[in-house]
């Protein structure tokens, strides 16, 4: 599937899917020309980003 199709399936932006592919977070994904190809059975990777402003109200 394409990055756009994965984005719709996983409910994230296609830009985020492309970043995950570039960073090697999606097993089996590869770049074909200018587009990434992702296996249809690929699972959405866990979000490893950290929050900078995690303020808790007291």
PDB file of N, CA and C in Angstrom:
ATOM      1  N   UNK A   1       0.846  -1.174   0.000  1.00  0.00           N
ATOM      2  CA  UNK A   1       0.000   0.000   0.000  1.00  0.00           C
ATOM      3  C   UNK A   1       0.890   1.234   0.000  1.00  0.00           C
ATOM      4  N   UNK A   2       0.327   2.365  -0.320  1.00  0.00           N
ATOM      5  CA  UNK A   2       1.074   3.619  -0.353  1.00  0.00           C
ATOM      6  C   UNK A   2       1.069   4.278   1.030  1.00  0.00           C
ATOM      7  N   UNK A   3       1.881   5.313   1.182  1.00  0.00           N
ATOM      8  CA  UNK A   3       1.910   6.049   2.445  1.00  0.00           C
ATOM      9  C   UNK A   3       0.538   6.670   2.728  1.00  0.00           C
ATOM     10  N   UNK A   4      -0.125   7.154   1.695  1.00  0.00           N
ATOM     11  CA  UNK A   4      -1.453   7.749   1.869  1.00  0.00           C
ATOM     12  C   UNK A   4      -2.462   6.706   2.344  1.00  0.00           C
ATOM     13  N   UNK A   5      -2.419   5.525   1.783  1.00  0.00           N
ATOM     14  CA  UNK A   5      -3.333   4.458   2.192  1.00  0.00           C
ATOM     15  C   UNK A   5      -3.063   4.030   3.635  1.00  0.00           C
ATOM     16  N   UNK A   6      -1.785   3.932   4.004  1.00  0.00           N
ATOM     17  CA  UNK A   6      -1.432   3.575   5.382  1.00  0.00           C
ATOM     18  C   UNK A   6      -1.889   4.664   6.340  1.00  0.00           C
ATOM     19  N   UNK A   7      -1.752   5.920   5.937  1.00  0.00           N
ATOM     20  CA  UNK A   7      -2.176   7.039   6.780  1.00  0.00           C
ATOM     21  C   UNK A   7      -3.669   6.972   7.061  1.00  0.00           C
ATOM     22  N   UNK A   8      -4.449   6.675   6.051  1.00  0.00           N
ATOM     23  CA  UNK A   8      -5.894   6.561   6.236  1.00  0.00           C
ATOM     24  C   UNK A   8      -6.240   5.357   7.125  1.00  0.00           C
ATOM     25  N   UNK A   9      -5.555   4.252   6.911  1.00  0.00           N
ATOM     26  CA  UNK A   9      -5.805   3.035   7.688  1.00  0.00           C
ATOM     27  C   UNK A   9      -5.456   3.238   9.162  1.00  0.00           C
ATOM     28  N   UNK A  10      -4.332   3.934   9.428  1.00  0.00           N
ATOM     29  CA  UNK A  10      -3.833   4.115  10.790  1.00  0.00           C
ATOM     30  C   UNK A  10      -4.284   5.419  11.435  1.00  0.00           C
ATOM     31  N   UNK A  11      -5.026   6.243  10.698  1.00  0.00           N
ATOM     32  CA  UNK A  11      -5.541   7.514  11.200  1.00  0.00           C
ATOM     33  C   UNK A  11      -4.418   8.468  11.642  1.00  0.00           C
ATOM     34  N   UNK A  12      -3.380   8.569  10.800  1.00  0.00           N
ATOM     35  CA  UNK A  12      -2.299   9.526  11.011  1.00  0.00           C
ATOM     36  C   UNK A  12      -2.028  10.211   9.678  1.00  0.00           C
ATOM     37  N   UNK A  13      -1.177  11.229   9.678  1.00  0.00           N
ATOM     38  CA  UNK A  13      -0.903  11.950   8.435  1.00  0.00           C
ATOM     39  C   UNK A  13       0.031  11.143   7.531  1.00  0.00           C
ATOM     40  N   UNK A  14      -0.081  11.385   6.225  1.00  0.00           N
ATOM     41  CA  UNK A  14       0.808  10.692   5.302  1.00  0.00           C
ATOM     42  C   UNK A  14       2.253  11.140   5.514  1.00  0.00           C
ATOM     43  N   UNK A  15       2.458  12.364   5.957  1.00  0.00           N
ATOM     44  CA  UNK A  15       3.806  12.845   6.266  1.00  0.00           C
ATOM     45  C   UNK A  15       4.420  12.023   7.408  1.00  0.00           C
ATOM     46  N   UNK A  16       3.622  11.729   8.422  1.00  0.00           N
ATOM     47  CA  UNK A  16       4.110  10.919   9.551  1.00  0.00           C
ATOM     48  C   UNK A  16       4.459   9.507   9.080  1.00  0.00           C
ATOM     49  N   UNK A  17       3.669   8.953   8.180  1.00  0.00           N
ATOM     50  CA  UNK A  17       3.957   7.627   7.638  1.00  0.00           C
ATOM     51  C   UNK A  17       5.293   7.652   6.894  1.00  0.00           C
ATOM     52  N   UNK A  18       5.518   8.692   6.093  1.00  0.00           N
ATOM     53  CA  UNK A  18       6.771   8.793   5.351  1.00  0.00           C
ATOM     54  C   UNK A  18       7.972   8.928   6.280  1.00  0.00           C
ATOM     55  N   UNK A  19       7.816   9.666   7.379  1.00  0.00           N
ATOM     56  CA  UNK A  19       8.894   9.798   8.367  1.00  0.00           C
ATOM     57  C   UNK A  19       9.172   8.447   9.014  1.00  0.00           C
ATOM     58  N   UNK A  20       8.126   7.715   9.361  1.00  0.00           N
ATOM     59  CA  UNK A  20       8.295   6.388   9.948  1.00  0.00           C
ATOM     60  C   UNK A  20       9.016   5.451   8.976  1.00  0.00           C
ATOM     61  N   UNK A  21       8.684   5.534   7.703  1.00  0.00           N
ATOM     62  CA  UNK A  21       9.362   4.713   6.691  1.00  0.00           C
ATOM     63  C   UNK A  21      10.833   5.098   6.587  1.00  0.00           C
ATOM     64  N   UNK A  22      11.099   6.385   6.525  1.00  0.00           N
ATOM     65  CA  UNK A  22      12.473   6.874   6.405  1.00  0.00           C
ATOM     66  C   UNK A  22      13.322   6.453   7.592  1.00  0.00           C
ATOM     67  N   UNK A  23      12.719   6.449   8.776  1.00  0.00           N
ATOM     68  CA  UNK A  23      13.430   6.076  10.004  1.00  0.00           C
ATOM     69  C   UNK A  23      13.507   4.567  10.220  1.00  0.00           C
ATOM     70  N   UNK A  24      12.924   3.788   9.303  1.00  0.00           N
ATOM     71  CA  UNK A  24      12.989   2.334   9.409  1.00  0.00           C
ATOM     72  C   UNK A  24      12.075   1.741  10.464  1.00  0.00           C
ATOM     73  N   UNK A  25      11.007   2.451  10.817  1.00  0.00           N
ATOM     74  CA  UNK A  25      10.087   1.996  11.861  1.00  0.00           C
ATOM     75  C   UNK A  25       8.999   1.058  11.345  1.00  0.00           C
ATOM     76  N   UNK A  26       8.861   0.961  10.023  1.00  0.00           N
ATOM     77  CA  UNK A  26       7.845   0.086   9.442  1.00  0.00           C
ATOM     78  C   UNK A  26       8.565  -1.040   8.702  1.00  0.00           C
ATOM     79  N   UNK A  27       8.575  -2.247   9.285  1.00  0.00           N
ATOM     80  CA  UNK A  27       9.265  -3.370   8.657  1.00  0.00           C
ATOM     81  C   UNK A  27       8.703  -3.689   7.271  1.00  0.00           C
ATOM     82  N   UNK A  28       9.592  -3.889   6.319  1.00  0.00           N
ATOM     83  CA  UNK A  28       9.177  -4.257   4.967  1.00  0.00           C
ATOM     84  C   UNK A  28       8.894  -3.081   4.057  1.00  0.00           C
ATOM     85  N   UNK A  29       8.878  -1.874   4.592  1.00  0.00           N
ATOM     86  CA  UNK A  29       8.615  -0.691   3.760  1.00  0.00           C
ATOM     87  C   UNK A  29       9.868  -0.370   2.940  1.00  0.00           C
ATOM     88  N   UNK A  30       9.658   0.052   1.709  1.00  0.00           N
ATOM     89  CA  UNK A  30      10.782   0.418   0.853  1.00  0.00           C
ATOM     90  C   UNK A  30      10.372   1.558  -0.065  1.00  0.00           C
ATOM     91  N   UNK A  31      11.366   2.258  -0.567  1.00  0.00           N
ATOM     92  CA  UNK A  31      11.096   3.389  -1.443  1.00  0.00           C
ATOM     93  C   UNK A  31      11.205   2.923  -2.891  1.00  0.00           C
ATOM     94  N   UNK A  32      10.182   3.235  -3.647  1.00  0.00           N
ATOM     95  CA  UNK A  32      10.146   2.907  -5.073  1.00  0.00           C
ATOM     96  C   UNK A  32       9.992   4.218  -5.827  1.00  0.00           C
ATOM     97  N   UNK A  33      11.082   4.685  -6.412  1.00  0.00           N
ATOM     98  CA  UNK A  33      11.064   6.006  -7.035  1.00  0.00           C
ATOM     99  C   UNK A  33      10.997   7.064  -5.946  1.00  0.00           C
ATOM    100  N   UNK A  34       9.938   7.861  -5.959  1.00  0.00           N
ATOM    101  CA  UNK A  34       9.764   8.901  -4.937  1.00  0.00           C
ATOM    102  C   UNK A  34       8.760   8.496  -3.863  1.00  0.00           C
ATOM    103  N   UNK A  35       8.139   7.334  -4.020  1.00  0.00           N
ATOM    104  CA  UNK A  35       7.078   6.924  -3.101  1.00  0.00           C
ATOM    105  C   UNK A  35       7.492   5.707  -2.286  1.00  0.00           C
ATOM    106  N   UNK A  36       6.979   5.642  -1.061  1.00  0.00           N
ATOM    107  CA  UNK A  36       7.202   4.476  -0.216  1.00  0.00           C
ATOM    108  C   UNK A  36       6.114   3.437  -0.469  1.00  0.00           C
ATOM    109  N   UNK A  37       6.508   2.196  -0.444  1.00  0.00           N
ATOM    110  CA  UNK A  37       5.581   1.072  -0.534  1.00  0.00           C
ATOM    111  C   UNK A  37       5.624   0.341   0.804  1.00  0.00           C
ATOM    112  N   UNK A  38       4.455   0.062   1.337  1.00  0.00           N
ATOM    113  CA  UNK A  38       4.329  -0.535   2.667  1.00  0.00           C
ATOM    114  C   UNK A  38       3.539  -1.832   2.535  1.00  0.00           C
ATOM    115  N   UNK A  39       4.011  -2.919   3.167  1.00  0.00           N
ATOM    116  CA  UNK A  39       3.262  -4.175   3.098  1.00  0.00           C
ATOM    117  C   UNK A  39       1.835  -3.998   3.637  1.00  0.00           C
ATOM    118  N   UNK A  40       0.893  -4.637   2.997  1.00  0.00           N
ATOM    119  CA  UNK A  40      -0.512  -4.511   3.397  1.00  0.00           C
ATOM    120  C   UNK A  40      -0.764  -5.007   4.807  1.00  0.00           C
ATOM    121  N   UNK A  41       0.054  -5.941   5.280  1.00  0.00           N
ATOM    122  CA  UNK A  41      -0.147  -6.489   6.619  1.00  0.00           C
ATOM    123  C   UNK A  41       0.694  -5.774   7.679  1.00  0.00           C
ATOM    124  N   UNK A  42       1.338  -4.672   7.313  1.00  0.00           N
ATOM    125  CA  UNK A  42       2.171  -3.922   8.264  1.00  0.00           C
ATOM    126  C   UNK A  42       1.307  -3.327   9.372  1.00  0.00           C
ATOM    127  N   UNK A  43       1.836  -3.392  10.588  1.00  0.00           N
ATOM    128  CA  UNK A  43       1.145  -2.836  11.741  1.00  0.00           C
ATOM    129  C   UNK A  43       1.636  -1.410  11.997  1.00  0.00           C
ATOM    130  N   UNK A  44       0.760  -0.583  12.532  1.00  0.00           N
ATOM    131  CA  UNK A  44       1.142   0.782  12.881  1.00  0.00           C
ATOM    132  C   UNK A  44       2.159   0.723  14.025  1.00  0.00           C
ATOM    133  N   UNK A  45       3.330   1.349  13.831  1.00  0.00           N
ATOM    134  CA  UNK A  45       4.327   1.328  14.901  1.00  0.00           C
ATOM    135  C   UNK A  45       3.896   2.193  16.079  1.00  0.00           C
ATOM    136  N   UNK A  46       4.413   1.858  17.252  1.00  0.00           N
ATOM    137  CA  UNK A  46       4.114   2.654  18.446  1.00  0.00           C
ATOM    138  C   UNK A  46       4.688   4.056  18.273  1.00  0.00           C
ATOM    139  N   UNK A  47       4.014   5.030  18.829  1.00  0.00           N
ATOM    140  CA  UNK A  47       4.466   6.412  18.737  1.00  0.00           C
ATOM    141  C   UNK A  47       5.554   6.647  19.781  1.00  0.00           C
ATOM    142  N   UNK A  48       6.787   6.745  19.325  1.00  0.00           N
ATOM    143  CA  UNK A  48       7.922   6.908  20.223  1.00  0.00           C
ATOM    144  C   UNK A  48       8.293   8.348  20.488  1.00  0.00           C
ATOM    145  N   UNK A  49       7.501   9.283  19.972  1.00  0.00           N
ATOM    146  CA  UNK A  49       7.823  10.697  20.193  1.00  0.00           C
ATOM    147  C   UNK A  49       7.546  11.079  21.635  1.00  0.00           C
ATOM    148  N   UNK A  50       8.341  12.014  22.126  1.00  0.00           N
ATOM    149  CA  UNK A  50       8.158  12.496  23.493  1.00  0.00           C
ATOM    150  C   UNK A  50       7.485  13.857  23.463  1.00  0.00           C
ATOM    151  N   UNK A  51       6.698  14.109  24.483  1.00  0.00           N
ATOM    152  CA  UNK A  51       6.034  15.405  24.603  1.00  0.00           C
ATOM    153  C   UNK A  51       6.964  16.363  25.322  1.00  0.00           C
ATOM    154  N   UNK A  52       7.074  17.571  24.814  1.00  0.00           N
ATOM    155  CA  UNK A  52       7.955  18.568  25.420  1.00  0.00           C
ATOM    156  C   UNK A  52       7.272  19.305  26.561  1.00  0.00           C
ATOM    157  N   UNK A  53       6.014  19.629  26.397  1.00  0.00           N
ATOM    158  CA  UNK A  53       5.289  20.413  27.391  1.00  0.00           C
ATOM    159  C   UNK A  53       4.222  19.566  28.059  1.00  0.00           C
ATOM    160  N   UNK A  54       4.660  18.662  28.891  1.00  0.00           N
ATOM    161  CA  UNK A  54       3.721  17.792  29.589  1.00  0.00           C
ATOM    162  C   UNK A  54       3.453  18.394  30.965  1.00  0.00           C
ATOM    163  N   UNK A  55       2.685  19.480  30.963  1.00  0.00           N
ATOM    164  CA  UNK A  55       2.383  20.182  32.208  1.00  0.00           C
ATOM    165  C   UNK A  55       1.184  19.535  32.888  1.00  0.00           C
ATOM    166  N   UNK A  56       1.316  19.328  34.168  1.00  0.00           N
ATOM    167  CA  UNK A  56       0.216  18.768  34.938  1.00  0.00           C
ATOM    168  C   UNK A  56      -0.342  19.854  35.851  1.00  0.00           C
ATOM    169  N   UNK A  57      -1.635  19.984  35.857  1.00  0.00           N
ATOM    170  CA  UNK A  57      -2.250  20.978  36.729  1.00  0.00           C
ATOM    171  C   UNK A  57      -2.447  20.381  38.122  1.00  0.00           C
ATOM    172  N   UNK A  58      -2.276  21.215  39.111  1.00  0.00           N
ATOM    173  CA  UNK A  58      -2.428  20.734  40.497  1.00  0.00           C
ATOM    174  C   UNK A  58      -3.581  21.386  41.183  1.00  0.00           C
TER     175      UNK A  58
END
